[in-house]
Amino acid sequence: MKLRVGDLVEVMTGKDRGKRGKIEHLFLKESSVAVEKVNRFKKHLKPTRRYPQGGIVEVSRPLPASNVMVVCPHCSKLTRVGITIAGDKKMRTCKKCGKALEEGKRK
């Protein structure tokens, strides 16, 4: 999967089509991503110590990774991700403008 936590993505299909957000979590086995403030559902909770009143809470659910596209930080367009080898490093690049998607962002 060429997506990374922290990438800005836009949802392409479904009820949240057109919304943008950053990736919070990747689920590699399920090939899905959790995007902040997208794909929200209401969950009903019983009273517990954490929620003594119980109630209704909004939670994010994962989206299939095929339903999102990366937004390039340089050209602000929806793009596919390419891999460019520079010396001994692999870099993720924008297919539209050709610039690197991150500069020294990885740990």
Protein backbone atom coordinates (compact mmCIF):
# COMPACT_ATOMS: atom_id res chain seq x y z
CA MET A 1 0.00 0.00 0.00
CA LYS A 2 1.43 3.36 -1.02
CA LEU A 3 -0.58 5.34 1.54
CA ARG A 4 0.99 6.58 4.79
CA VAL A 5 -0.37 7.90 8.08
CA GLY A 6 -0.61 11.69 7.82
CA ASP A 7 -1.30 11.81 4.07
CA LEU A 8 -4.06 14.18 2.97
CA VAL A 9 -6.64 12.17 1.02
CA GLU A 10 -10.01 12.79 -0.62
CA VAL A 11 -12.86 10.29 -0.58
CA MET A 12 -13.90 9.27 -4.10
CA THR A 13 -17.08 7.24 -3.49
CA GLY A 14 -19.84 6.80 -0.96
CA LYS A 15 -21.78 9.14 1.29
CA ASP A 16 -18.68 11.22 2.13
CA ARG A 17 -17.56 11.73 -1.48
CA GLY A 18 -15.51 14.91 -1.88
CA LYS A 19 -14.48 15.22 1.78
CA ARG A 20 -10.79 15.61 2.59
CA GLY A 21 -8.92 14.55 5.70
CA LYS A 22 -5.67 13.11 6.99
CA ILE A 23 -5.14 9.38 7.41
CA GLU A 24 -5.23 8.46 11.10
CA HIS A 25 -4.65 4.70 10.88
CA LEU A 26 -3.88 2.04 8.28
CA PHE A 27 -5.38 -1.45 8.41
CA LEU A 28 -3.05 -3.41 6.13
CA LYS A 29 -4.74 -6.82 6.40
CA GLU A 30 -8.15 -5.38 5.53
CA SER A 31 -6.64 -2.90 3.01
CA SER A 32 -8.55 -0.03 4.57
CA VAL A 33 -7.79 3.38 6.10
CA ALA A 34 -9.29 5.49 8.88
CA VAL A 35 -9.60 9.14 7.84
CA GLU A 36 -10.27 11.88 10.40
CA LYS A 37 -13.81 13.35 10.36
CA VAL A 38 -14.91 11.03 7.54
CA ASN A 39 -17.23 7.98 7.61
CA ARG A 40 -18.68 8.89 11.02
CA PHE A 41 -21.33 6.70 12.64
CA LYS A 42 -23.27 6.97 15.87
CA LYS A 43 -22.64 4.29 18.47
CA HIS A 44 -24.95 3.72 21.43
CA LEU A 45 -23.12 3.09 24.72
CA LYS A 46 -24.29 1.48 27.92
CA PRO A 47 -23.43 3.29 31.14
CA THR A 48 -19.87 2.46 32.26
CA ARG A 49 -17.31 4.08 34.53
CA ARG A 50 -15.95 6.08 31.61
CA TYR A 51 -19.43 7.12 30.41
CA PRO A 52 -21.62 7.08 33.55
CA GLN A 53 -24.63 8.42 31.66
CA GLY A 54 -24.11 6.16 28.66
CA GLY A 55 -25.27 7.90 25.52
CA ILE A 56 -24.58 8.23 21.83
CA VAL A 57 -21.02 8.81 20.59
CA GLU A 58 -19.79 9.43 17.04
CA VAL A 59 -16.99 7.10 15.91
CA SER A 60 -14.94 6.87 12.70
CA ARG A 61 -14.97 3.64 10.79
CA PRO A 62 -12.41 2.55 8.21
CA LEU A 63 -12.87 3.06 4.47
CA PRO A 64 -11.53 0.75 1.77
CA ALA A 65 -8.18 2.10 0.60
CA SER A 66 -9.39 1.96 -3.01
CA ASN A 67 -12.03 4.61 -2.23
CA VAL A 68 -9.53 7.37 -1.41
CA MET A 69 -6.94 9.27 -3.47
CA VAL A 70 -3.91 11.20 -2.26
CA VAL A 71 -3.93 15.00 -2.58
CA CYS A 72 -0.52 16.33 -3.64
CA PRO A 73 0.75 19.00 -1.18
CA HIS A 74 2.51 20.88 -4.01
CA CYS A 75 -0.05 21.03 -6.83
CA SER A 76 -3.20 20.37 -4.68
CA LYS A 77 -4.54 17.87 -7.23
CA LEU A 78 -5.78 14.34 -6.74
CA THR A 79 -3.01 12.04 -7.84
CA ARG A 80 -1.73 8.52 -7.97
CA VAL A 81 1.45 7.73 -6.09
CA GLY A 82 4.59 6.71 -7.94
CA ILE A 83 7.86 5.34 -6.60
CA THR A 84 11.13 6.98 -7.68
CA ILE A 85 14.53 5.59 -6.74
CA ALA A 86 17.09 8.32 -5.99
CA GLY A 87 20.44 6.78 -5.10
CA ASP A 88 19.70 4.22 -2.40
CA LYS A 89 16.36 5.74 -1.29
CA LYS A 90 12.85 5.11 -2.55
CA MET A 91 10.65 8.21 -2.66
CA ARG A 92 6.92 8.51 -3.17
CA THR A 93 6.18 11.02 -5.92
CA CYS A 94 3.15 12.74 -7.41
CA LYS A 95 2.26 11.38 -10.86
CA LYS A 96 0.96 14.82 -11.96
CA CYS A 97 3.76 17.22 -10.97
CA GLY A 98 6.56 14.73 -10.27
CA LYS A 99 7.56 16.21 -6.90
CA ALA A 100 8.16 14.13 -3.77
CA LEU A 101 5.14 13.72 -1.48
CA GLU A 102 7.22 13.97 1.71
CA GLU A 103 10.61 15.39 2.54
CA GLY A 104 12.18 13.67 5.52
CA LYS A 105 8.79 12.94 7.08
CA ARG A 106 9.54 9.29 7.91
CA LYS A 107 11.18 8.31 11.18
